[in-house]
């Protein structure tokens, strides 16, 4: 019988290897799988390439993973936000690499990777330094730049509900990057606030089908990044 449930966050991330590419869900703190990220910190995998919308806040979650020296490269849209100090300081010191991608382009690159599309064209970055060194083409009189699809070894995402088969439902804007990341990773790891038996989630509201999910761990009361940052918490 298919059962993707695992006992602890530590078990779900135990085989993430040095040099892996890891997609991490979240739109700001929305959908950010704090417990999975902290388990990855404890696990200790290094030289990771992380794909995320931003670089985290304060000294918890993704920011803590970066601060712990485990991330060699960030692929993201917003490397600096109101509460982010860790990444900017390391980047200025030349200790971490950045690939800056416009947010819509980032989402489409992930979606393309999951759909088996190796590359596509967009006009978004034409005329900016982000287009330097990339292939350009003209379609219907307008210039476009080629962008490559993104895939990952692992994806860490958070859901509101998950059933035994891995079908997922998200909480509002936590849905932003999670569904496409689940499709674009070789192994998708989910922390879910609620775990249900197969069939308990109405098929009409399933967002991510279980075929894209490999592992699930239940986190009934997930940490909220903003509250941890406001309290001055640091991890580990």
Foldseek 3Di string as FASTA:
>chain_A
DFFQEDAALLVQCLPPAAAFEEEAFDDQLQFGQQRNQLSVVVSPHAQYEYEYAEQHFFAGGNLVCVQSHRYAEYEHAYDDDDGDDSRVVCVVVVRHYYLHDHPVRSLVLLLCLLVVNFKDWDAVQPPHPNQPPFDWDADPRDIITMDGHDATQEYETEAAEAERLGFGAHDPCSPPRVQSNLSRHPAYEYEYLYYHYPPPDDPVRGDHDSVSHRHYYYDNDGDGRVVCNVVNHHGD
